[in-house]
Amino acid sequence: MGYMNGKAEGARRLAASYNITAAEAERRLEAFADAFDEVLGTDMEGSGEVYRRMAERLGLAPAEVERFMDDFQEAVETAYEEQP
């Protein structure tokens, strides 16, 4: 497979498993990145605040976005393992 963009591949795999578009999967990942940047280095780091903010941005439940991010991590790890 050569060089793989882990974010794009993870988004593609999640789009299929969540029955959403790849663009929606990437939008969710961007919401996570934005929330993570806001919380990084604050006293809220590690408190679940990132998931709360991500959920607020997307109109989803915090547990749903946490599960999405766990699934994203697993999808990326699987994709890297499958590379020749």
PDB file of N, CA and C in Angstrom:
ATOM      1  N   MET A   1       0.826  -1.188   0.000  1.00  0.00           N
ATOM      2  CA  MET A   1       0.000   0.000   0.000  1.00  0.00           C
ATOM      3  C   MET A   1       0.871   1.253   0.000  1.00  0.00           C
ATOM      4  N   GLY A   2       2.107   1.169   0.432  1.00  0.00           N
ATOM      5  CA  GLY A   2       2.960   2.339   0.500  1.00  0.00           C
ATOM      6  C   GLY A   2       2.560   3.256   1.641  1.00  0.00           C
ATOM      7  N   TYR A   3       2.848   4.556   1.469  1.00  0.00           N
ATOM      8  CA  TYR A   3       2.498   5.528   2.498  1.00  0.00           C
ATOM      9  C   TYR A   3       0.990   5.651   2.620  1.00  0.00           C
ATOM     10  N   MET A   4       0.499   5.649   3.831  1.00  0.00           N
ATOM     11  CA  MET A   4      -0.933   5.759   4.063  1.00  0.00           C
ATOM     12  C   MET A   4      -1.212   6.970   4.936  1.00  0.00           C
ATOM     13  N   ASN A   5      -2.218   7.726   4.586  1.00  0.00           N
ATOM     14  CA  ASN A   5      -2.680   8.817   5.423  1.00  0.00           C
ATOM     15  C   ASN A   5      -3.627   8.202   6.450  1.00  0.00           C
ATOM     16  N   GLY A   6      -3.152   8.064   7.685  1.00  0.00           N
ATOM     17  CA  GLY A   6      -3.932   7.398   8.728  1.00  0.00           C
ATOM     18  C   GLY A   6      -5.262   8.061   8.993  1.00  0.00           C
ATOM     19  N   LYS A   7      -5.291   9.389   9.009  1.00  0.00           N
ATOM     20  CA  LYS A   7      -6.547  10.102   9.267  1.00  0.00           C
ATOM     21  C   LYS A   7      -7.554   9.819   8.163  1.00  0.00           C
ATOM     22  N   ALA A   8      -7.114   9.941   6.906  1.00  0.00           N
ATOM     23  CA  ALA A   8      -8.030   9.720   5.791  1.00  0.00           C
ATOM     24  C   ALA A   8      -8.516   8.276   5.746  1.00  0.00           C
ATOM     25  N   GLU A   9      -7.612   7.331   5.991  1.00  0.00           N
ATOM     26  CA  GLU A   9      -7.997   5.920   5.967  1.00  0.00           C
ATOM     27  C   GLU A   9      -8.938   5.596   7.120  1.00  0.00           C
ATOM     28  N   GLY A  10      -8.638   6.133   8.300  1.00  0.00           N
ATOM     29  CA  GLY A  10      -9.535   5.928   9.443  1.00  0.00           C
ATOM     30  C   GLY A  10     -10.909   6.507   9.172  1.00  0.00           C
ATOM     31  N   ALA A  11     -10.954   7.701   8.588  1.00  0.00           N
ATOM     32  CA  ALA A  11     -12.236   8.332   8.257  1.00  0.00           C
ATOM     33  C   ALA A  11     -12.999   7.505   7.232  1.00  0.00           C
ATOM     34  N   ARG A  12     -12.295   6.973   6.232  1.00  0.00           N
ATOM     35  CA  ARG A  12     -12.946   6.155   5.214  1.00  0.00           C
ATOM     36  C   ARG A  12     -13.572   4.907   5.832  1.00  0.00           C
ATOM     37  N   ARG A  13     -12.816   4.258   6.712  1.00  0.00           N
ATOM     38  CA  ARG A  13     -13.318   3.035   7.353  1.00  0.00           C
ATOM     39  C   ARG A  13     -14.490   3.339   8.287  1.00  0.00           C
ATOM     40  N   LEU A  14     -14.412   4.433   9.015  1.00  0.00           N
ATOM     41  CA  LEU A  14     -15.513   4.788   9.905  1.00  0.00           C
ATOM     42  C   LEU A  14     -16.753   5.194   9.128  1.00  0.00           C
ATOM     43  N   ALA A  15     -16.561   5.871   8.012  1.00  0.00           N
ATOM     44  CA  ALA A  15     -17.702   6.250   7.191  1.00  0.00           C
ATOM     45  C   ALA A  15     -18.504   5.013   6.808  1.00  0.00           C
ATOM     46  N   ALA A  16     -17.793   3.963   6.427  1.00  0.00           N
ATOM     47  CA  ALA A  16     -18.473   2.725   6.041  1.00  0.00           C
ATOM     48  C   ALA A  16     -19.167   2.076   7.241  1.00  0.00           C
ATOM     49  N   SER A  17     -18.499   2.020   8.377  1.00  0.00           N
ATOM     50  CA  SER A  17     -19.088   1.329   9.528  1.00  0.00           C
ATOM     51  C   SER A  17     -20.187   2.139  10.220  1.00  0.00           C
ATOM     52  N   TYR A  18     -20.129   3.471  10.131  1.00  0.00           N
ATOM     53  CA  TYR A  18     -21.156   4.320  10.749  1.00  0.00           C
ATOM     54  C   TYR A  18     -22.241   4.737   9.758  1.00  0.00           C
ATOM     55  N   ASN A  19     -22.081   4.326   8.495  1.00  0.00           N
ATOM     56  CA  ASN A  19     -23.027   4.685   7.444  1.00  0.00           C
ATOM     57  C   ASN A  19     -23.158   6.208   7.313  1.00  0.00           C
ATOM     58  N   ILE A  20     -21.993   6.879   7.297  1.00  0.00           N
ATOM     59  CA  ILE A  20     -21.924   8.318   7.076  1.00  0.00           C
ATOM     60  C   ILE A  20     -20.933   8.551   5.931  1.00  0.00           C
ATOM     61  N   THR A  21     -20.887   9.754   5.427  1.00  0.00           N
ATOM     62  CA  THR A  21     -19.929  10.052   4.366  1.00  0.00           C
ATOM     63  C   THR A  21     -18.531  10.221   4.959  1.00  0.00           C
ATOM     64  N   ALA A  22     -17.534  10.062   4.105  1.00  0.00           N
ATOM     65  CA  ALA A  22     -16.157  10.298   4.553  1.00  0.00           C
ATOM     66  C   ALA A  22     -16.000  11.751   4.988  1.00  0.00           C
ATOM     67  N   ALA A  23     -16.687  12.665   4.317  1.00  0.00           N
ATOM     68  CA  ALA A  23     -16.628  14.082   4.695  1.00  0.00           C
ATOM     69  C   ALA A  23     -17.186  14.293   6.104  1.00  0.00           C
ATOM     70  N   GLU A  24     -18.261  13.596   6.439  1.00  0.00           N
ATOM     71  CA  GLU A  24     -18.825  13.711   7.795  1.00  0.00           C
ATOM     72  C   GLU A  24     -17.861  13.121   8.822  1.00  0.00           C
ATOM     73  N   ALA A  25     -17.244  12.015   8.492  1.00  0.00           N
ATOM     74  CA  ALA A  25     -16.269  11.417   9.411  1.00  0.00           C
ATOM     75  C   ALA A  25     -15.109  12.387   9.639  1.00  0.00           C
ATOM     76  N   GLU A  26     -14.627  13.011   8.576  1.00  0.00           N
ATOM     77  CA  GLU A  26     -13.537  13.978   8.722  1.00  0.00           C
ATOM     78  C   GLU A  26     -13.993  15.203   9.501  1.00  0.00           C
ATOM     79  N   ARG A  27     -15.241  15.630   9.312  1.00  0.00           N
ATOM     80  CA  ARG A  27     -15.790  16.762  10.081  1.00  0.00           C
ATOM     81  C   ARG A  27     -15.787  16.438  11.575  1.00  0.00           C
ATOM     82  N   ARG A  28     -16.141  15.212  11.915  1.00  0.00           N
ATOM     83  CA  ARG A  28     -16.122  14.793  13.321  1.00  0.00           C
ATOM     84  C   ARG A  28     -14.698  14.790  13.868  1.00  0.00           C
ATOM     85  N   LEU A  29     -13.747  14.349  13.061  1.00  0.00           N
ATOM     86  CA  LEU A  29     -12.351  14.335  13.495  1.00  0.00           C
ATOM     87  C   LEU A  29     -11.830  15.754  13.688  1.00  0.00           C
ATOM     88  N   GLU A  30     -12.246  16.670  12.827  1.00  0.00           N
ATOM     89  CA  GLU A  30     -11.844  18.077  12.981  1.00  0.00           C
ATOM     90  C   GLU A  30     -12.442  18.672  14.252  1.00  0.00           C
ATOM     91  N   ALA A  31     -13.671  18.312  14.566  1.00  0.00           N
ATOM     92  CA  ALA A  31     -14.298  18.800  15.800  1.00  0.00           C
ATOM     93  C   ALA A  31     -13.516  18.303  17.010  1.00  0.00           C
ATOM     94  N   PHE A  32     -13.047  17.060  16.955  1.00  0.00           N
ATOM     95  CA  PHE A  32     -12.223  16.534  18.042  1.00  0.00           C
ATOM     96  C   PHE A  32     -10.921  17.323  18.148  1.00  0.00           C
ATOM     97  N   ALA A  33     -10.257  17.536  17.012  1.00  0.00           N
ATOM     98  CA  ALA A  33      -8.981  18.251  17.014  1.00  0.00           C
ATOM     99  C   ALA A  33      -9.142  19.664  17.565  1.00  0.00           C
ATOM    100  N   ASP A  34     -10.203  20.342  17.166  1.00  0.00           N
ATOM    101  CA  ASP A  34     -10.447  21.699  17.662  1.00  0.00           C
ATOM    102  C   ASP A  34     -10.684  21.697  19.167  1.00  0.00           C
ATOM    103  N   ALA A  35     -11.512  20.775  19.644  1.00  0.00           N
ATOM    104  CA  ALA A  35     -11.791  20.690  21.079  1.00  0.00           C
ATOM    105  C   ALA A  35     -10.533  20.314  21.856  1.00  0.00           C
ATOM    106  N   PHE A  36      -9.749  19.400  21.307  1.00  0.00           N
ATOM    107  CA  PHE A  36      -8.507  18.981  21.962  1.00  0.00           C
ATOM    108  C   PHE A  36      -7.559  20.169  22.097  1.00  0.00           C
ATOM    109  N   ASP A  37      -7.423  20.956  21.029  1.00  0.00           N
ATOM    110  CA  ASP A  37      -6.547  22.134  21.074  1.00  0.00           C
ATOM    111  C   ASP A  37      -6.989  23.135  22.129  1.00  0.00           C
ATOM    112  N   GLU A  38      -8.297  23.294  22.301  1.00  0.00           N
ATOM    113  CA  GLU A  38      -8.822  24.229  23.298  1.00  0.00           C
ATOM    114  C   GLU A  38      -8.521  23.778  24.723  1.00  0.00           C
ATOM    115  N   VAL A  39      -8.551  22.488  24.958  1.00  0.00           N
ATOM    116  CA  VAL A  39      -8.422  21.942  26.310  1.00  0.00           C
ATOM    117  C   VAL A  39      -6.973  21.654  26.690  1.00  0.00           C
ATOM    118  N   LEU A  40      -6.143  21.389  25.693  1.00  0.00           N
ATOM    119  CA  LEU A  40      -4.745  21.038  25.931  1.00  0.00           C
ATOM    120  C   LEU A  40      -4.049  22.100  26.790  1.00  0.00           C
ATOM    121  N   GLY A  41      -3.407  21.647  27.836  1.00  0.00           N
ATOM    122  CA  GLY A  41      -2.660  22.543  28.710  1.00  0.00           C
ATOM    123  C   GLY A  41      -3.495  23.270  29.744  1.00  0.00           C
ATOM    124  N   THR A  42      -4.771  22.936  29.842  1.00  0.00           N
ATOM    125  CA  THR A  42      -5.619  23.563  30.854  1.00  0.00           C
ATOM    126  C   THR A  42      -5.875  22.572  31.987  1.00  0.00           C
ATOM    127  N   ASP A  43      -6.504  23.048  33.033  1.00  0.00           N
ATOM    128  CA  ASP A  43      -6.824  22.150  34.144  1.00  0.00           C
ATOM    129  C   ASP A  43      -7.964  21.199  33.803  1.00  0.00           C
ATOM    130  N   MET A  44      -8.578  21.378  32.639  1.00  0.00           N
ATOM    131  CA  MET A  44      -9.661  20.483  32.198  1.00  0.00           C
ATOM    132  C   MET A  44      -9.124  19.277  31.438  1.00  0.00           C
ATOM    133  N   GLU A  45      -7.828  19.280  31.127  1.00  0.00           N
ATOM    134  CA  GLU A  45      -7.220  18.180  30.377  1.00  0.00           C
ATOM    135  C   GLU A  45      -7.427  16.865  31.134  1.00  0.00           C
ATOM    136  N   GLY A  46      -7.902  15.859  30.430  1.00  0.00           N
ATOM    137  CA  GLY A  46      -8.125  14.549  31.036  1.00  0.00           C
ATOM    138  C   GLY A  46      -9.439  14.420  31.776  1.00  0.00           C
ATOM    139  N   SER A  47     -10.295  15.434  31.674  1.00  0.00           N
ATOM    140  CA  SER A  47     -11.551  15.424  32.422  1.00  0.00           C
ATOM    141  C   SER A  47     -12.757  14.988  31.607  1.00  0.00           C
ATOM    142  N   GLY A  48     -12.554  14.680  30.329  1.00  0.00           N
ATOM    143  CA  GLY A  48     -13.676  14.371  29.454  1.00  0.00           C
ATOM    144  C   GLY A  48     -14.219  15.610  28.766  1.00  0.00           C
ATOM    145  N   GLU A  49     -13.597  16.740  29.032  1.00  0.00           N
ATOM    146  CA  GLU A  49     -14.053  18.005  28.447  1.00  0.00           C
ATOM    147  C   GLU A  49     -13.934  18.002  26.922  1.00  0.00           C
ATOM    148  N   VAL A  50     -12.918  17.351  26.388  1.00  0.00           N
ATOM    149  CA  VAL A  50     -12.761  17.299  24.929  1.00  0.00           C
ATOM    150  C   VAL A  50     -13.983  16.641  24.301  1.00  0.00           C
ATOM    151  N   TYR A  51     -14.418  15.519  24.859  1.00  0.00           N
ATOM    152  CA  TYR A  51     -15.581  14.828  24.309  1.00  0.00           C
ATOM    153  C   TYR A  51     -16.851  15.665  24.483  1.00  0.00           C
ATOM    154  N   ARG A  52     -16.970  16.356  25.591  1.00  0.00           N
ATOM    155  CA  ARG A  52     -18.144  17.200  25.820  1.00  0.00           C
ATOM    156  C   ARG A  52     -18.201  18.309  24.767  1.00  0.00           C
ATOM    157  N   ARG A  53     -17.057  18.947  24.525  1.00  0.00           N
ATOM    158  CA  ARG A  53     -17.018  20.034  23.541  1.00  0.00           C
ATOM    159  C   ARG A  53     -17.245  19.506  22.123  1.00  0.00           C
ATOM    160  N   MET A  54     -16.651  18.380  21.825  1.00  0.00           N
ATOM    161  CA  MET A  54     -16.847  17.776  20.503  1.00  0.00           C
ATOM    162  C   MET A  54     -18.326  17.446  20.308  1.00  0.00           C
ATOM    163  N   ALA A  55     -18.929  16.849  21.310  1.00  0.00           N
ATOM    164  CA  ALA A  55     -20.341  16.481  21.232  1.00  0.00           C
ATOM    165  C   ALA A  55     -21.217  17.719  21.040  1.00  0.00           C
ATOM    166  N   GLU A  56     -20.894  18.777  21.757  1.00  0.00           N
ATOM    167  CA  GLU A  56     -21.651  20.021  21.641  1.00  0.00           C
ATOM    168  C   GLU A  56     -21.570  20.569  20.214  1.00  0.00           C
ATOM    169  N   ARG A  57     -20.388  20.553  19.641  1.00  0.00           N
ATOM    170  CA  ARG A  57     -20.201  21.043  18.264  1.00  0.00           C
ATOM    171  C   ARG A  57     -20.998  20.219  17.253  1.00  0.00           C
ATOM    172  N   LEU A  58     -21.078  18.930  17.487  1.00  0.00           N
ATOM    173  CA  LEU A  58     -21.698  18.019  16.516  1.00  0.00           C
ATOM    174  C   LEU A  58     -23.157  17.708  16.804  1.00  0.00           C
ATOM    175  N   GLY A  59     -23.648  18.109  17.965  1.00  0.00           N
ATOM    176  CA  GLY A  59     -25.026  17.788  18.324  1.00  0.00           C
ATOM    177  C   GLY A  59     -25.216  16.319  18.657  1.00  0.00           C
ATOM    178  N   LEU A  60     -24.180  15.708  19.233  1.00  0.00           N
ATOM    179  CA  LEU A  60     -24.219  14.294  19.599  1.00  0.00           C
ATOM    180  C   LEU A  60     -24.007  14.151  21.099  1.00  0.00           C
ATOM    181  N   ALA A  61     -24.239  12.961  21.620  1.00  0.00           N
ATOM    182  CA  ALA A  61     -23.986  12.686  23.033  1.00  0.00           C
ATOM    183  C   ALA A  61     -22.483  12.469  23.254  1.00  0.00           C
ATOM    184  N   PRO A  62     -21.954  12.904  24.410  1.00  0.00           N
ATOM    185  CA  PRO A  62     -20.522  12.694  24.688  1.00  0.00           C
ATOM    186  C   PRO A  62     -20.100  11.230  24.563  1.00  0.00           C
ATOM    187  N   ALA A  63     -20.929  10.308  25.014  1.00  0.00           N
ATOM    188  CA  ALA A  63     -20.586   8.885  24.912  1.00  0.00           C
ATOM    189  C   ALA A  63     -20.474   8.456  23.446  1.00  0.00           C
ATOM    190  N   GLU A  64     -21.307   9.035  22.601  1.00  0.00           N
ATOM    191  CA  GLU A  64     -21.275   8.694  21.174  1.00  0.00           C
ATOM    192  C   GLU A  64     -19.978   9.180  20.522  1.00  0.00           C
ATOM    193  N   VAL A  65     -19.537  10.391  20.857  1.00  0.00           N
ATOM    194  CA  VAL A  65     -18.301  10.881  20.254  1.00  0.00           C
ATOM    195  C   VAL A  65     -17.081  10.157  20.831  1.00  0.00           C
ATOM    196  N   GLU A  66     -17.152   9.776  22.090  1.00  0.00           N
ATOM    197  CA  GLU A  66     -16.048   8.999  22.672  1.00  0.00           C
ATOM    198  C   GLU A  66     -15.927   7.648  21.975  1.00  0.00           C
ATOM    199  N   ARG A  67     -17.045   7.003  21.734  1.00  0.00           N
ATOM    200  CA  ARG A  67     -17.057   5.716  21.020  1.00  0.00           C
ATOM    201  C   ARG A  67     -16.535   5.904  19.590  1.00  0.00           C
ATOM    202  N   PHE A  68     -16.944   6.990  18.935  1.00  0.00           N
ATOM    203  CA  PHE A  68     -16.474   7.277  17.579  1.00  0.00           C
ATOM    204  C   PHE A  68     -14.956   7.409  17.563  1.00  0.00           C
ATOM    205  N   MET A  69     -14.397   8.126  18.526  1.00  0.00           N
ATOM    206  CA  MET A  69     -12.947   8.319  18.555  1.00  0.00           C
ATOM    207  C   MET A  69     -12.224   7.012  18.896  1.00  0.00           C
ATOM    208  N   ASP A  70     -12.795   6.205  19.774  1.00  0.00           N
ATOM    209  CA  ASP A  70     -12.203   4.889  20.059  1.00  0.00           C
ATOM    210  C   ASP A  70     -12.194   4.030  18.791  1.00  0.00           C
ATOM    211  N   ASP A  71     -13.307   4.070  18.060  1.00  0.00           N
ATOM    212  CA  ASP A  71     -13.393   3.307  16.810  1.00  0.00           C
ATOM    213  C   ASP A  71     -12.420   3.844  15.771  1.00  0.00           C
ATOM    214  N   PHE A  72     -12.223   5.157  15.750  1.00  0.00           N
ATOM    215  CA  PHE A  72     -11.258   5.755  14.827  1.00  0.00           C
ATOM    216  C   PHE A  72      -9.852   5.238  15.126  1.00  0.00           C
ATOM    217  N   GLN A  73      -9.482   5.250  16.392  1.00  0.00           N
ATOM    218  CA  GLN A  73      -8.146   4.770  16.781  1.00  0.00           C
ATOM    219  C   GLN A  73      -7.957   3.318  16.350  1.00  0.00           C
ATOM    220  N   GLU A  74      -8.960   2.512  16.582  1.00  0.00           N
ATOM    221  CA  GLU A  74      -8.895   1.099  16.201  1.00  0.00           C
ATOM    222  C   GLU A  74      -8.804   0.941  14.680  1.00  0.00           C
ATOM    223  N   ALA A  75      -9.545   1.755  13.929  1.00  0.00           N
ATOM    224  CA  ALA A  75      -9.530   1.675  12.470  1.00  0.00           C
ATOM    225  C   ALA A  75      -8.152   2.017  11.927  1.00  0.00           C
ATOM    226  N   VAL A  76      -7.522   3.042  12.499  1.00  0.00           N
ATOM    227  CA  VAL A  76      -6.192   3.435  12.041  1.00  0.00           C
ATOM    228  C   VAL A  76      -5.163   2.344  12.372  1.00  0.00           C
ATOM    229  N   GLU A  77      -5.243   1.819  13.587  1.00  0.00           N
ATOM    230  CA  GLU A  77      -4.312   0.752  13.971  1.00  0.00           C
ATOM    231  C   GLU A  77      -4.476  -0.459  13.062  1.00  0.00           C
ATOM    232  N   THR A  78      -5.681  -0.836  12.762  1.00  0.00           N
ATOM    233  CA  THR A  78      -5.948  -1.975  11.878  1.00  0.00           C
ATOM    234  C   THR A  78      -5.412  -1.703  10.482  1.00  0.00           C
ATOM    235  N   ALA A  79      -5.623  -0.508   9.978  1.00  0.00           N
ATOM    236  CA  ALA A  79      -5.142  -0.160   8.639  1.00  0.00           C
ATOM    237  C   ALA A  79      -3.614  -0.258   8.576  1.00  0.00           C
ATOM    238  N   TYR A  80      -2.934   0.221   9.601  1.00  0.00           N
ATOM    239  CA  TYR A  80      -1.469   0.130   9.606  1.00  0.00           C
ATOM    240  C   TYR A  80      -1.001  -1.328   9.696  1.00  0.00           C
ATOM    241  N   GLU A  81      -1.691  -2.130  10.478  1.00  0.00           N
ATOM    242  CA  GLU A  81      -1.346  -3.540  10.596  1.00  0.00           C
ATOM    243  C   GLU A  81      -1.532  -4.279   9.277  1.00  0.00           C
ATOM    244  N   GLU A  82      -2.502  -3.863   8.475  1.00  0.00           N
ATOM    245  CA  GLU A  82      -2.804  -4.524   7.212  1.00  0.00           C
ATOM    246  C   GLU A  82      -1.838  -4.137   6.100  1.00  0.00           C
ATOM    247  N   GLN A  83      -1.051  -3.102   6.307  1.00  0.00           N
ATOM    248  CA  GLN A  83      -0.101  -2.682   5.273  1.00  0.00           C
ATOM    249  C   GLN A  83       0.963  -3.757   5.081  1.00  0.00           C
ATOM    250  N   PRO A  84       1.384  -3.942   3.817  1.00  0.00           N
ATOM    251  CA  PRO A  84       2.433  -4.939   3.554  1.00  0.00           C
ATOM    252  C   PRO A  84       3.789  -4.470   4.043  1.00  0.00           C
TER     253      PRO A  84
END
